[in-house]
Structures are given as C-alpha cells and as structure tokens.
Amino acid sequence: DLLELCPGKVENYEEKLKNFYREHIHADEEIRYCLEGSGYFDVRAKDDTWIRIWIKEGDMIVLPAGIYHRFTLDTLNYVKLMRLFIGEPVWTAYNRPQEDHPARQGYIKTLESSGVAVKAH
C-alpha cells in the first residue's frame, strides 16, 4: 500500500506523525520504498544510541523484525512511501519496551550469533 505524509493532506496528521516517531518494533520486516519526498528512519545501535538514516526518492529500506526504530519527516515535510509486505500486510507496532517479544528476542539472537556484543536494555 501507499503512505503519504504531509500537512493538509492527511487526516490526523500530527497524531500519525507522533505515532510513527514513537520508538517501536514490528513482528515482521519493515520494507519501505520512497516514491517521493524524504524523511528519517532512526534505528537503535547496539549501544542503544540512535543511528539516523535519511531516505529520499528512489531509496529502499528494510528494517529487520525486532529492531527498535522510529520515523519522522525532514524539513520538506512530505514523503510518499510504498509499504511492502511478505505475505499478509500487518501494521502492528509494539512500543518500547518489548524485550520479551518473540521478534525482539529473535533480533537479539541474530546479532549475538553474528558476533555482535549486545547489551540488553
């Protein structure tokens, strides 16, 4: 499906933007292709600091299931994203803390098995 975010075009714009900016995880990968505009995906590093990823038209991002992240617009205040899903579309966000969620546990296990030292928060 398509997600278009900009003031004046989206019902409950401020509320939606606040929800996207709330730190959360998903049970499945989050796959997004940027059709127009730009924005930021923030993801948590292993030391729990933020890594900011700027996406713009033509960029695709795949966030693994269980990674803490959030999204916000940049100064353009506009983005149109294609949301891609494997299987049935699921938009459920689980706000932090979610250390016991199976997706989070799987993500941590994947990091640890790849040799990344992870400090649980």
PDB file of N, CA and C in Angstrom:
ATOM      1  N   ASP A   1       0.839  -1.185   0.000  1.00  0.00           N
ATOM      2  CA  ASP A   1       0.000   0.000   0.000  1.00  0.00           C
ATOM      3  C   ASP A   1       0.879   1.241   0.000  1.00  0.00           C
ATOM      4  N   LEU A   2       0.254   2.400  -0.117  1.00  0.00           N
ATOM      5  CA  LEU A   2       0.983   3.667  -0.143  1.00  0.00           C
ATOM      6  C   LEU A   2       0.689   4.465   1.115  1.00  0.00           C
ATOM      7  N   LEU A   3       1.712   5.123   1.614  1.00  0.00           N
ATOM      8  CA  LEU A   3       1.586   6.007   2.765  1.00  0.00           C
ATOM      9  C   LEU A   3       2.105   7.373   2.348  1.00  0.00           C
ATOM     10  N   GLU A   4       1.229   8.368   2.389  1.00  0.00           N
ATOM     11  CA  GLU A   4       1.610   9.739   2.051  1.00  0.00           C
ATOM     12  C   GLU A   4       1.460  10.590   3.304  1.00  0.00           C
ATOM     13  N   LEU A   5       2.536  11.244   3.707  1.00  0.00           N
ATOM     14  CA  LEU A   5       2.532  12.075   4.910  1.00  0.00           C
ATOM     15  C   LEU A   5       2.885  13.508   4.557  1.00  0.00           C
ATOM     16  N   CYS A   6       1.964  14.405   4.845  1.00  0.00           N
ATOM     17  CA  CYS A   6       2.218  15.837   4.707  1.00  0.00           C
ATOM     18  C   CYS A   6       1.056  16.591   5.346  1.00  0.00           C
ATOM     19  N   PRO A   7       1.339  17.775   5.876  1.00  0.00           N
ATOM     20  CA  PRO A   7       0.261  18.554   6.496  1.00  0.00           C
ATOM     21  C   PRO A   7      -0.798  18.922   5.459  1.00  0.00           C
ATOM     22  N   GLY A   8      -2.051  18.895   5.862  1.00  0.00           N
ATOM     23  CA  GLY A   8      -3.136  19.298   4.975  1.00  0.00           C
ATOM     24  C   GLY A   8      -3.685  18.192   4.100  1.00  0.00           C
ATOM     25  N   LYS A   9      -2.921  17.119   3.879  1.00  0.00           N
ATOM     26  CA  LYS A   9      -3.375  16.017   3.033  1.00  0.00           C
ATOM     27  C   LYS A   9      -3.815  14.803   3.838  1.00  0.00           C
ATOM     28  N   VAL A  10      -3.332  14.714   5.064  1.00  0.00           N
ATOM     29  CA  VAL A  10      -3.558  13.528   5.883  1.00  0.00           C
ATOM     30  C   VAL A  10      -4.443  13.870   7.074  1.00  0.00           C
ATOM     31  N   GLU A  11      -5.508  13.102   7.236  1.00  0.00           N
ATOM     32  CA  GLU A  11      -6.370  13.277   8.402  1.00  0.00           C
ATOM     33  C   GLU A  11      -5.580  12.894   9.655  1.00  0.00           C
ATOM     34  N   ASN A  12      -5.715  13.685  10.707  1.00  0.00           N
ATOM     35  CA  ASN A  12      -4.986  13.454  11.966  1.00  0.00           C
ATOM     36  C   ASN A  12      -3.471  13.420  11.752  1.00  0.00           C
ATOM     37  N   TYR A  13      -2.973  14.323  10.909  1.00  0.00           N
ATOM     38  CA  TYR A  13      -1.549  14.372  10.538  1.00  0.00           C
ATOM     39  C   TYR A  13      -0.624  14.380  11.752  1.00  0.00           C
ATOM     40  N   GLU A  14      -0.853  15.300  12.689  1.00  0.00           N
ATOM     41  CA  GLU A  14       0.029  15.430  13.860  1.00  0.00           C
ATOM     42  C   GLU A  14       0.044  14.146  14.682  1.00  0.00           C
ATOM     43  N   GLU A  15      -1.113  13.549  14.876  1.00  0.00           N
ATOM     44  CA  GLU A  15      -1.211  12.307  15.650  1.00  0.00           C
ATOM     45  C   GLU A  15      -0.480  11.163  14.951  1.00  0.00           C
ATOM     46  N   LYS A  16      -0.646  11.050  13.632  1.00  0.00           N
ATOM     47  CA  LYS A  16       0.036   9.994  12.883  1.00  0.00           C
ATOM     48  C   LYS A  16       1.544  10.159  12.973  1.00  0.00           C
ATOM     49  N   LEU A  17       2.015  11.392  12.810  1.00  0.00           N
ATOM     50  CA  LEU A  17       3.451  11.649  12.885  1.00  0.00           C
ATOM     51  C   LEU A  17       3.997  11.301  14.273  1.00  0.00           C
ATOM     52  N   LYS A  18       3.251  11.633  15.313  1.00  0.00           N
ATOM     53  CA  LYS A  18       3.668  11.283  16.684  1.00  0.00           C
ATOM     54  C   LYS A  18       3.759   9.768  16.850  1.00  0.00           C
ATOM     55  N   ASN A  19       2.792   9.044  16.293  1.00  0.00           N
ATOM     56  CA  ASN A  19       2.809   7.580  16.389  1.00  0.00           C
ATOM     57  C   ASN A  19       4.013   6.979  15.673  1.00  0.00           C
ATOM     58  N   PHE A  20       4.335   7.490  14.487  1.00  0.00           N
ATOM     59  CA  PHE A  20       5.494   6.982  13.749  1.00  0.00           C
ATOM     60  C   PHE A  20       6.798   7.296  14.478  1.00  0.00           C
ATOM     61  N   TYR A  21       6.817   8.402  15.230  1.00  0.00           N
ATOM     62  CA  TYR A  21       8.032   8.817  15.934  1.00  0.00           C
ATOM     63  C   TYR A  21       8.213   8.092  17.265  1.00  0.00           C
ATOM     64  N   ARG A  22       7.169   7.446  17.759  1.00  0.00           N
ATOM     65  CA  ARG A  22       7.278   6.665  18.988  1.00  0.00           C
ATOM     66  C   ARG A  22       8.139   5.423  18.712  1.00  0.00           C
ATOM     67  N   GLU A  23       9.111   5.193  19.559  1.00  0.00           N
ATOM     68  CA  GLU A  23      10.021   4.061  19.379  1.00  0.00           C
ATOM     69  C   GLU A  23       9.254   2.745  19.490  1.00  0.00           C
ATOM     70  N   HIS A  24       9.456   1.859  18.500  1.00  0.00           N
ATOM     71  CA  HIS A  24       8.690   0.618  18.451  1.00  0.00           C
ATOM     72  C   HIS A  24       9.423  -0.457  17.654  1.00  0.00           C
ATOM     73  N   ILE A  25       8.843  -1.653  17.676  1.00  0.00           N
ATOM     74  CA  ILE A  25       9.301  -2.762  16.841  1.00  0.00           C
ATOM     75  C   ILE A  25       8.097  -3.311  16.083  1.00  0.00           C
ATOM     76  N   HIS A  26       8.388  -4.187  15.122  1.00  0.00           N
ATOM     77  CA  HIS A  26       7.348  -4.934  14.416  1.00  0.00           C
ATOM     78  C   HIS A  26       7.707  -6.416  14.466  1.00  0.00           C
ATOM     79  N   ALA A  27       6.707  -7.263  14.337  1.00  0.00           N
ATOM     80  CA  ALA A  27       6.925  -8.707  14.324  1.00  0.00           C
ATOM     81  C   ALA A  27       7.517  -9.172  12.993  1.00  0.00           C
ATOM     82  N   ASP A  28       7.400  -8.346  11.952  1.00  0.00           N
ATOM     83  CA  ASP A  28       7.918  -8.676  10.625  1.00  0.00           C
ATOM     84  C   ASP A  28       8.865  -7.579  10.157  1.00  0.00           C
ATOM     85  N   GLU A  29       9.605  -7.875   9.089  1.00  0.00           N
ATOM     86  CA  GLU A  29      10.459  -6.843   8.493  1.00  0.00           C
ATOM     87  C   GLU A  29       9.615  -5.634   8.103  1.00  0.00           C
ATOM     88  N   GLU A  30      10.215  -4.463   8.175  1.00  0.00           N
ATOM     89  CA  GLU A  30       9.563  -3.259   7.672  1.00  0.00           C
ATOM     90  C   GLU A  30      10.282  -2.891   6.378  1.00  0.00           C
ATOM     91  N   ILE A  31       9.567  -2.973   5.268  1.00  0.00           N
ATOM     92  CA  ILE A  31      10.147  -2.717   3.951  1.00  0.00           C
ATOM     93  C   ILE A  31       9.455  -1.498   3.364  1.00  0.00           C
ATOM     94  N   ARG A  32      10.236  -0.480   3.040  1.00  0.00           N
ATOM     95  CA  ARG A  32       9.678   0.768   2.517  1.00  0.00           C
ATOM     96  C   ARG A  32      10.481   1.231   1.302  1.00  0.00           C
ATOM     97  N   TYR A  33       9.745   1.671   0.280  1.00  0.00           N
ATOM     98  CA  TYR A  33      10.348   2.256  -0.913  1.00  0.00           C
ATOM     99  C   TYR A  33       9.851   3.691  -1.010  1.00  0.00           C
ATOM    100  N   CYS A  34      10.766   4.640  -1.119  1.00  0.00           N
ATOM    101  CA  CYS A  34      10.400   6.056  -1.156  1.00  0.00           C
ATOM    102  C   CYS A  34      10.105   6.483  -2.595  1.00  0.00           C
ATOM    103  N   LEU A  35       8.851   6.818  -2.846  1.00  0.00           N
ATOM    104  CA  LEU A  35       8.418   7.254  -4.175  1.00  0.00           C
ATOM    105  C   LEU A  35       8.629   8.747  -4.387  1.00  0.00           C
ATOM    106  N   GLU A  36       8.396   9.531  -3.340  1.00  0.00           N
ATOM    107  CA  GLU A  36       8.538  10.992  -3.415  1.00  0.00           C
ATOM    108  C   GLU A  36       8.920  11.522  -2.043  1.00  0.00           C
ATOM    109  N   GLY A  37       9.553  12.694  -2.019  1.00  0.00           N
ATOM    110  CA  GLY A  37       9.871  13.351  -0.757  1.00  0.00           C
ATOM    111  C   GLY A  37      11.032  12.697  -0.038  1.00  0.00           C
ATOM    112  N   SER A  38      11.062  12.890   1.284  1.00  0.00           N
ATOM    113  CA  SER A  38      12.168  12.362   2.084  1.00  0.00           C
ATOM    114  C   SER A  38      11.804  12.372   3.562  1.00  0.00           C
ATOM    115  N   GLY A  39      12.588  11.638   4.339  1.00  0.00           N
ATOM    116  CA  GLY A  39      12.373  11.572   5.781  1.00  0.00           C
ATOM    117  C   GLY A  39      13.486  10.785   6.442  1.00  0.00           C
ATOM    118  N   TYR A  40      13.337  10.550   7.741  1.00  0.00           N
ATOM    119  CA  TYR A  40      14.362   9.864   8.522  1.00  0.00           C
ATOM    120  C   TYR A  40      13.806   8.632   9.217  1.00  0.00           C
ATOM    121  N   PHE A  41      14.511   7.527   9.077  1.00  0.00           N
ATOM    122  CA  PHE A  41      14.315   6.364   9.926  1.00  0.00           C
ATOM    123  C   PHE A  41      15.447   6.384  10.941  1.00  0.00           C
ATOM    124  N   ASP A  42      15.113   6.355  12.210  1.00  0.00           N
ATOM    125  CA  ASP A  42      16.104   6.238  13.276  1.00  0.00           C
ATOM    126  C   ASP A  42      16.059   4.808  13.782  1.00  0.00           C
ATOM    127  N   VAL A  43      17.226   4.172  13.885  1.00  0.00           N
ATOM    128  CA  VAL A  43      17.323   2.808  14.409  1.00  0.00           C
ATOM    129  C   VAL A  43      18.297   2.797  15.578  1.00  0.00           C
ATOM    130  N   ARG A  44      18.100   1.875  16.493  1.00  0.00           N
ATOM    131  CA  ARG A  44      18.972   1.762  17.660  1.00  0.00           C
ATOM    132  C   ARG A  44      20.233   0.965  17.323  1.00  0.00           C
ATOM    133  N   ALA A  45      21.379   1.534  17.703  1.00  0.00           N
ATOM    134  CA  ALA A  45      22.650   0.824  17.590  1.00  0.00           C
ATOM    135  C   ALA A  45      22.774  -0.148  18.756  1.00  0.00           C
ATOM    136  N   LYS A  46      23.794  -0.997  18.712  1.00  0.00           N
ATOM    137  CA  LYS A  46      23.958  -1.985  19.790  1.00  0.00           C
ATOM    138  C   LYS A  46      24.189  -1.329  21.143  1.00  0.00           C
ATOM    139  N   ASP A  47      24.729  -0.087  21.168  1.00  0.00           N
ATOM    140  CA  ASP A  47      24.946   0.617  22.442  1.00  0.00           C
ATOM    141  C   ASP A  47      23.738   1.470  22.835  1.00  0.00           C
ATOM    142  N   ASP A  48      22.627   1.286  22.129  1.00  0.00           N
ATOM    143  CA  ASP A  48      21.351   1.948  22.396  1.00  0.00           C
ATOM    144  C   ASP A  48      21.313   3.417  21.974  1.00  0.00           C
ATOM    145  N   THR A  49      22.305   3.873  21.224  1.00  0.00           N
ATOM    146  CA  THR A  49      22.252   5.220  20.654  1.00  0.00           C
ATOM    147  C   THR A  49      21.482   5.148  19.337  1.00  0.00           C
ATOM    148  N   TRP A  50      21.058   6.310  18.860  1.00  0.00           N
ATOM    149  CA  TRP A  50      20.319   6.356  17.597  1.00  0.00           C
ATOM    150  C   TRP A  50      21.273   6.446  16.412  1.00  0.00           C
ATOM    151  N   ILE A  51      20.909   5.758  15.333  1.00  0.00           N
ATOM    152  CA  ILE A  51      21.542   5.922  14.027  1.00  0.00           C
ATOM    153  C   ILE A  51      20.456   6.487  13.125  1.00  0.00           C
ATOM    154  N   ARG A  52      20.719   7.645  12.520  1.00  0.00           N
ATOM    155  CA  ARG A  52      19.719   8.296  11.664  1.00  0.00           C
ATOM    156  C   ARG A  52      20.007   7.965  10.208  1.00  0.00           C
ATOM    157  N   ILE A  53      18.978   7.478   9.512  1.00  0.00           N
ATOM    158  CA  ILE A  53      19.089   7.108   8.101  1.00  0.00           C
ATOM    159  C   ILE A  53      18.155   8.003   7.303  1.00  0.00           C
ATOM    160  N   TRP A  54      18.729   8.810   6.419  1.00  0.00           N
ATOM    161  CA  TRP A  54      17.925   9.709   5.588  1.00  0.00           C
ATOM    162  C   TRP A  54      17.525   8.955   4.327  1.00  0.00           C
ATOM    163  N   ILE A  55      16.235   8.917   4.050  1.00  0.00           N
ATOM    164  CA  ILE A  55      15.773   8.299   2.809  1.00  0.00           C
ATOM    165  C   ILE A  55      15.135   9.369   1.936  1.00  0.00           C
ATOM    166  N   LYS A  56      15.301   9.190   0.639  1.00  0.00           N
ATOM    167  CA  LYS A  56      14.743  10.135  -0.334  1.00  0.00           C
ATOM    168  C   LYS A  56      14.214   9.336  -1.520  1.00  0.00           C
ATOM    169  N   GLU A  57      13.618  10.034  -2.454  1.00  0.00           N
ATOM    170  CA  GLU A  57      13.035   9.398  -3.633  1.00  0.00           C
ATOM    171  C   GLU A  57      14.004   8.397  -4.259  1.00  0.00           C
ATOM    172  N   GLY A  58      13.512   7.178  -4.481  1.00  0.00           N
ATOM    173  CA  GLY A  58      14.313   6.124  -5.096  1.00  0.00           C
ATOM    174  C   GLY A  58      15.012   5.206  -4.108  1.00  0.00           C
ATOM    175  N   ASP A  59      14.996   5.555  -2.830  1.00  0.00           N
ATOM    176  CA  ASP A  59      15.640   4.722  -1.803  1.00  0.00           C
ATOM    177  C   ASP A  59      14.685   3.646  -1.296  1.00  0.00           C
ATOM    178  N   MET A  60      15.262   2.520  -0.923  1.00  0.00           N
ATOM    179  CA  MET A  60      14.508   1.447  -0.275  1.00  0.00           C
ATOM    180  C   MET A  60      15.218   1.115   1.030  1.00  0.00           C
ATOM    181  N   ILE A  61      14.435   0.818   2.057  1.00  0.00           N
ATOM    182  CA  ILE A  61      14.999   0.432   3.346  1.00  0.00           C
ATOM    183  C   ILE A  61      14.275  -0.812   3.839  1.00  0.00           C
ATOM    184  N   VAL A  62      15.053  -1.726   4.413  1.00  0.00           N
ATOM    185  CA  VAL A  62      14.495  -2.937   5.014  1.00  0.00           C
ATOM    186  C   VAL A  62      15.002  -2.992   6.451  1.00  0.00           C
ATOM    187  N   LEU A  63      14.081  -2.871   7.395  1.00  0.00           N
ATOM    188  CA  LEU A  63      14.425  -2.960   8.813  1.00  0.00           C
ATOM    189  C   LEU A  63      14.064  -4.353   9.304  1.00  0.00           C
ATOM    190  N   PRO A  64      14.997  -5.031   9.969  1.00  0.00           N
ATOM    191  CA  PRO A  64      14.687  -6.378  10.446  1.00  0.00           C
ATOM    192  C   PRO A  64      13.602  -6.380  11.514  1.00  0.00           C
ATOM    193  N   ALA A  65      12.852  -7.454  11.570  1.00  0.00           N
ATOM    194  CA  ALA A  65      11.856  -7.622  12.637  1.00  0.00           C
ATOM    195  C   ALA A  65      12.571  -7.518  13.975  1.00  0.00           C
ATOM    196  N   GLY A  66      11.956  -6.809  14.922  1.00  0.00           N
ATOM    197  CA  GLY A  66      12.503  -6.730  16.271  1.00  0.00           C
ATOM    198  C   GLY A  66      13.474  -5.599  16.535  1.00  0.00           C
ATOM    199  N   ILE A  67      13.842  -4.810  15.513  1.00  0.00           N
ATOM    200  CA  ILE A  67      14.757  -3.688  15.739  1.00  0.00           C
ATOM    201  C   ILE A  67      13.947  -2.474  16.207  1.00  0.00           C
ATOM    202  N   TYR A  68      14.431  -1.813  17.255  1.00  0.00           N
ATOM    203  CA  TYR A  68      13.772  -0.587  17.705  1.00  0.00           C
ATOM    204  C   TYR A  68      14.037   0.508  16.679  1.00  0.00           C
ATOM    205  N   HIS A  69      12.978   1.204  16.305  1.00  0.00           N
ATOM    206  CA  HIS A  69      13.107   2.263  15.306  1.00  0.00           C
ATOM    207  C   HIS A  69      11.969   3.264  15.452  1.00  0.00           C
ATOM    208  N   ARG A  70      12.078   4.346  14.667  1.00  0.00           N
ATOM    209  CA  ARG A  70      11.034   5.377  14.595  1.00  0.00           C
ATOM    210  C   ARG A  70      11.209   6.090  13.256  1.00  0.00           C
ATOM    211  N   PHE A  71      10.203   6.881  12.875  1.00  0.00           N
ATOM    212  CA  PHE A  71      10.253   7.610  11.604  1.00  0.00           C
ATOM    213  C   PHE A  71       9.772   9.034  11.813  1.00  0.00           C
ATOM    214  N   THR A  72      10.398   9.959  11.100  1.00  0.00           N
ATOM    215  CA  THR A  72       9.933  11.344  11.094  1.00  0.00           C
ATOM    216  C   THR A  72      10.252  11.979   9.742  1.00  0.00           C
ATOM    217  N   LEU A  73       9.573  13.058   9.454  1.00  0.00           N
ATOM    218  CA  LEU A  73       9.830  13.802   8.223  1.00  0.00           C
ATOM    219  C   LEU A  73      11.024  14.723   8.404  1.00  0.00           C
ATOM    220  N   ASP A  74      11.616  15.140   7.289  1.00  0.00           N
ATOM    221  CA  ASP A  74      12.661  16.157   7.342  1.00  0.00           C
ATOM    222  C   ASP A  74      12.026  17.516   7.047  1.00  0.00           C
ATOM    223  N   THR A  75      12.818  18.515   6.697  1.00  0.00           N
ATOM    224  CA  THR A  75      12.296  19.876   6.519  1.00  0.00           C
ATOM    225  C   THR A  75      11.365  20.023   5.316  1.00  0.00           C
ATOM    226  N   LEU A  76      11.371  19.069   4.394  1.00  0.00           N
ATOM    227  CA  LEU A  76      10.424  19.126   3.268  1.00  0.00           C
ATOM    228  C   LEU A  76       8.990  18.888   3.740  1.00  0.00           C
ATOM    229  N   ASN A  77       8.847  18.191   4.869  1.00  0.00           N
ATOM    230  CA  ASN A  77       7.528  17.897   5.438  1.00  0.00           C
ATOM    231  C   ASN A  77       6.641  17.096   4.489  1.00  0.00           C
ATOM    232  N   TYR A  78       7.259  16.234   3.679  1.00  0.00           N
ATOM    233  CA  TYR A  78       6.483  15.427   2.741  1.00  0.00           C
ATOM    234  C   TYR A  78       7.232  14.140   2.404  1.00  0.00           C
ATOM    235  N   VAL A  79       6.495  13.043   2.401  1.00  0.00           N
ATOM    236  CA  VAL A  79       7.033  11.778   1.914  1.00  0.00           C
ATOM    237  C   VAL A  79       5.880  10.918   1.406  1.00  0.00           C
ATOM    238  N   LYS A  80       6.169  10.161   0.372  1.00  0.00           N
ATOM    239  CA  LYS A  80       5.234   9.155  -0.134  1.00  0.00           C
ATOM    240  C   LYS A  80       6.010   7.846  -0.186  1.00  0.00           C
ATOM    241  N   LEU A  81       5.596   6.903   0.664  1.00  0.00           N
ATOM    242  CA  LEU A  81       6.277   5.621   0.785  1.00  0.00           C
ATOM    243  C   LEU A  81       5.385   4.485   0.315  1.00  0.00           C
ATOM    244  N   MET A  82       5.985   3.530  -0.364  1.00  0.00           N
ATOM    245  CA  MET A  82       5.296   2.284  -0.668  1.00  0.00           C
ATOM    246  C   MET A  82       5.661   1.318   0.454  1.00  0.00           C
ATOM    247  N   ARG A  83       4.646   0.782   1.110  1.00  0.00           N
ATOM    248  CA  ARG A  83       4.881  -0.194   2.175  1.00  0.00           C
ATOM    249  C   ARG A  83       4.747  -1.585   1.564  1.00  0.00           C
ATOM    250  N   LEU A  84       5.804  -2.353   1.667  1.00  0.00           N
ATOM    251  CA  LEU A  84       5.847  -3.685   1.075  1.00  0.00           C
ATOM    252  C   LEU A  84       5.833  -4.733   2.179  1.00  0.00           C
ATOM    253  N   PHE A  85       5.132  -5.822   1.922  1.00  0.00           N
ATOM    254  CA  PHE A  85       4.983  -6.876   2.917  1.00  0.00           C
ATOM    255  C   PHE A  85       5.252  -8.230   2.292  1.00  0.00           C
ATOM    256  N   ILE A  86       5.750  -9.138   3.108  1.00  0.00           N
ATOM    257  CA  ILE A  86       5.865 -10.535   2.707  1.00  0.00           C
ATOM    258  C   ILE A  86       4.658 -11.228   3.323  1.00  0.00           C
ATOM    259  N   GLY A  87       3.788 -11.743   2.475  1.00  0.00           N
ATOM    260  CA  GLY A  87       2.563 -12.363   2.989  1.00  0.00           C
ATOM    261  C   GLY A  87       1.507 -11.318   3.296  1.00  0.00           C
ATOM    262  N   GLU A  88       0.714 -11.589   4.303  1.00  0.00           N
ATOM    263  CA  GLU A  88      -0.405 -10.723   4.699  1.00  0.00           C
ATOM    264  C   GLU A  88       0.105  -9.419   5.324  1.00  0.00           C
ATOM    265  N   PRO A  89      -0.392  -8.250   4.859  1.00  0.00           N
ATOM    266  CA  PRO A  89       0.044  -6.972   5.443  1.00  0.00           C
ATOM    267  C   PRO A  89      -0.333  -6.850   6.925  1.00  0.00           C
ATOM    268  N   VAL A  90       0.660  -6.513   7.741  1.00  0.00           N
ATOM    269  CA  VAL A  90       0.449  -6.300   9.175  1.00  0.00           C
ATOM    270  C   VAL A  90       1.169  -5.015   9.561  1.00  0.00           C
ATOM    271  N   TRP A  91       0.428  -4.078  10.182  1.00  0.00           N
ATOM    272  CA  TRP A  91       0.998  -2.779  10.540  1.00  0.00           C
ATOM    273  C   TRP A  91       1.212  -2.629  12.042  1.00  0.00           C
ATOM    274  N   THR A  92       1.041  -3.684  12.796  1.00  0.00           N
ATOM    275  CA  THR A  92       1.068  -3.562  14.253  1.00  0.00           C
ATOM    276  C   THR A  92       2.438  -3.122  14.755  1.00  0.00           C
ATOM    277  N   ALA A  93       2.435  -2.025  15.522  1.00  0.00           N
ATOM    278  CA  ALA A  93       3.656  -1.528  16.168  1.00  0.00           C
ATOM    279  C   ALA A  93       3.579  -1.862  17.650  1.00  0.00           C
ATOM    280  N   TYR A  94       4.689  -2.324  18.193  1.00  0.00           N
ATOM    281  CA  TYR A  94       4.790  -2.637  19.623  1.00  0.00           C
ATOM    282  C   TYR A  94       5.760  -1.637  20.238  1.00  0.00           C
ATOM    283  N   ASN A  95       5.221  -0.695  21.009  1.00  0.00           N
ATOM    284  CA  ASN A  95       6.045   0.368  21.584  1.00  0.00           C
ATOM    285  C   ASN A  95       6.997  -0.171  22.641  1.00  0.00           C
ATOM    286  N   ARG A  96       8.167   0.455  22.695  1.00  0.00           N
ATOM    287  CA  ARG A  96       9.189   0.070  23.667  1.00  0.00           C
ATOM    288  C   ARG A  96       8.709   0.312  25.079  1.00  0.00           C
ATOM    289  N   PRO A  97       9.003  -0.584  26.018  1.00  0.00           N
ATOM    290  CA  PRO A  97       9.896  -1.743  25.970  1.00  0.00           C
ATOM    291  C   PRO A  97       9.179  -3.008  25.476  1.00  0.00           C
ATOM    292  N   GLN A  98       9.899  -3.818  24.730  1.00  0.00           N
ATOM    293  CA  GLN A  98       9.358  -5.077  24.205  1.00  0.00           C
ATOM    294  C   GLN A  98      10.419  -6.174  24.235  1.00  0.00           C
ATOM    295  N   GLU A  99      11.233  -6.194  25.267  1.00  0.00           N
ATOM    296  CA  GLU A  99      12.355  -7.141  25.329  1.00  0.00           C
ATOM    297  C   GLU A  99      11.914  -8.601  25.298  1.00  0.00           C
ATOM    298  N   ASP A 100      10.686  -8.893  25.726  1.00  0.00           N
ATOM    299  CA  ASP A 100      10.210 -10.278  25.742  1.00  0.00           C
ATOM    300  C   ASP A 100       9.445 -10.668  24.479  1.00  0.00           C
ATOM    301  N   HIS A 101       9.247  -9.726  23.571  1.00  0.00           N
ATOM    302  CA  HIS A 101       8.525 -10.030  22.328  1.00  0.00           C
ATOM    303  C   HIS A 101       9.367 -11.010  21.494  1.00  0.00           C
ATOM    304  N   PRO A 102       8.743 -12.039  20.913  1.00  0.00           N
ATOM    305  CA  PRO A 102       9.498 -13.021  20.121  1.00  0.00           C
ATOM    306  C   PRO A 102      10.341 -12.397  19.000  1.00  0.00           C
ATOM    307  N   ALA A 103       9.833 -11.364  18.342  1.00  0.00           N
ATOM    308  CA  ALA A 103      10.603 -10.717  17.272  1.00  0.00           C
ATOM    309  C   ALA A 103      11.853 -10.044  17.835  1.00  0.00           C
ATOM    310  N   ARG A 104      11.725  -9.415  18.991  1.00  0.00           N
ATOM    311  CA  ARG A 104      12.880  -8.766  19.626  1.00  0.00           C
ATOM    312  C   ARG A 104      13.905  -9.813  20.056  1.00  0.00           C
ATOM    313  N   GLN A 105      13.420 -10.901  20.648  1.00  0.00           N
ATOM    314  CA  GLN A 105      14.314 -11.982  21.062  1.00  0.00           C
ATOM    315  C   GLN A 105      15.060 -12.566  19.856  1.00  0.00           C
ATOM    316  N   GLY A 106      14.349 -12.736  18.740  1.00  0.00           N
ATOM    317  CA  GLY A 106      14.973 -13.250  17.519  1.00  0.00           C
ATOM    318  C   GLY A 106      16.019 -12.300  16.973  1.00  0.00           C
ATOM    319  N   TYR A 107      15.726 -11.011  17.024  1.00  0.00           N
ATOM    320  CA  TYR A 107      16.677 -10.000  16.549  1.00  0.00           C
ATOM    321  C   TYR A 107      17.949 -10.029  17.393  1.00  0.00           C
ATOM    322  N   ILE A 108      17.800 -10.060  18.711  1.00  0.00           N
ATOM    323  CA  ILE A 108      18.949 -10.102  19.620  1.00  0.00           C
ATOM    324  C   ILE A 108      19.766 -11.370  19.373  1.00  0.00           C
ATOM    325  N   LYS A 109      19.080 -12.492  19.208  1.00  0.00           N
ATOM    326  CA  LYS A 109      19.769 -13.765  18.959  1.00  0.00           C
ATOM    327  C   LYS A 109      20.571 -13.697  17.657  1.00  0.00           C
ATOM    328  N   THR A 110      20.003 -13.096  16.620  1.00  0.00           N
ATOM    329  CA  THR A 110      20.704 -12.946  15.347  1.00  0.00           C
ATOM    330  C   THR A 110      21.957 -12.096  15.513  1.00  0.00           C
ATOM    331  N   LEU A 111      21.848 -11.000  16.248  1.00  0.00           N
ATOM    332  CA  LEU A 111      23.019 -10.151  16.493  1.00  0.00           C
ATOM    333  C   LEU A 111      24.103 -10.917  17.241  1.00  0.00           C
ATOM    334  N   GLU A 112      23.708 -11.607  18.285  1.00  0.00           N
ATOM    335  CA  GLU A 112      24.677 -12.348  19.100  1.00  0.00           C
ATOM    336  C   GLU A 112      25.356 -13.458  18.298  1.00  0.00           C
ATOM    337  N   SER A 113      24.593 -14.151  17.448  1.00  0.00           N
ATOM    338  CA  SER A 113      25.175 -15.244  16.664  1.00  0.00           C
ATOM    339  C   SER A 113      26.103 -14.733  15.570  1.00  0.00           C
ATOM    340  N   SER A 114      25.978 -13.441  15.227  1.00  0.00           N
ATOM    341  CA  SER A 114      26.876 -12.859  14.225  1.00  0.00           C
ATOM    342  C   SER A 114      28.097 -12.214  14.876  1.00  0.00           C
ATOM    343  N   GLY A 115      28.228 -12.389  16.193  1.00  0.00           N
ATOM    344  CA  GLY A 115      29.404 -11.874  16.885  1.00  0.00           C
ATOM    345  C   GLY A 115      29.269 -10.467  17.418  1.00  0.00           C
ATOM    346  N   VAL A 116      28.087  -9.892  17.347  1.00  0.00           N
ATOM    347  CA  VAL A 116      27.864  -8.539  17.857  1.00  0.00           C
ATOM    348  C   VAL A 116      27.523  -8.629  19.340  1.00  0.00           C
ATOM    349  N   ALA A 117      28.310  -7.943  20.164  1.00  0.00           N
ATOM    350  CA  ALA A 117      28.015  -7.916  21.603  1.00  0.00           C
ATOM    351  C   ALA A 117      26.819  -7.007  21.828  1.00  0.00           C
ATOM    352  N   VAL A 118      25.808  -7.529  22.491  1.00  0.00           N
ATOM    353  CA  VAL A 118      24.570  -6.778  22.687  1.00  0.00           C
ATOM    354  C   VAL A 118      24.318  -6.591  24.173  1.00  0.00           C
ATOM    355  N   LYS A 119      24.055  -5.350  24.538  1.00  0.00           N
ATOM    356  CA  LYS A 119      23.681  -5.044  25.918  1.00  0.00           C
ATOM    357  C   LYS A 119      22.166  -4.897  25.943  1.00  0.00           C
ATOM    358  N   ALA A 120      21.490  -5.732  26.716  1.00  0.00           N
ATOM    359  CA  ALA A 120      20.025  -5.658  26.812  1.00  0.00           C
ATOM    360  C   ALA A 120      19.612  -4.414  27.574  1.00  0.00           C
ATOM    361  N   HIS A 121      18.557  -3.774  27.106  1.00  0.00           N
ATOM    362  CA  HIS A 121      18.028  -2.563  27.758  1.00  0.00           C
ATOM    363  C   HIS A 121      16.596  -2.787  28.114  1.00  0.00           C
TER     364      HIS A 121
END
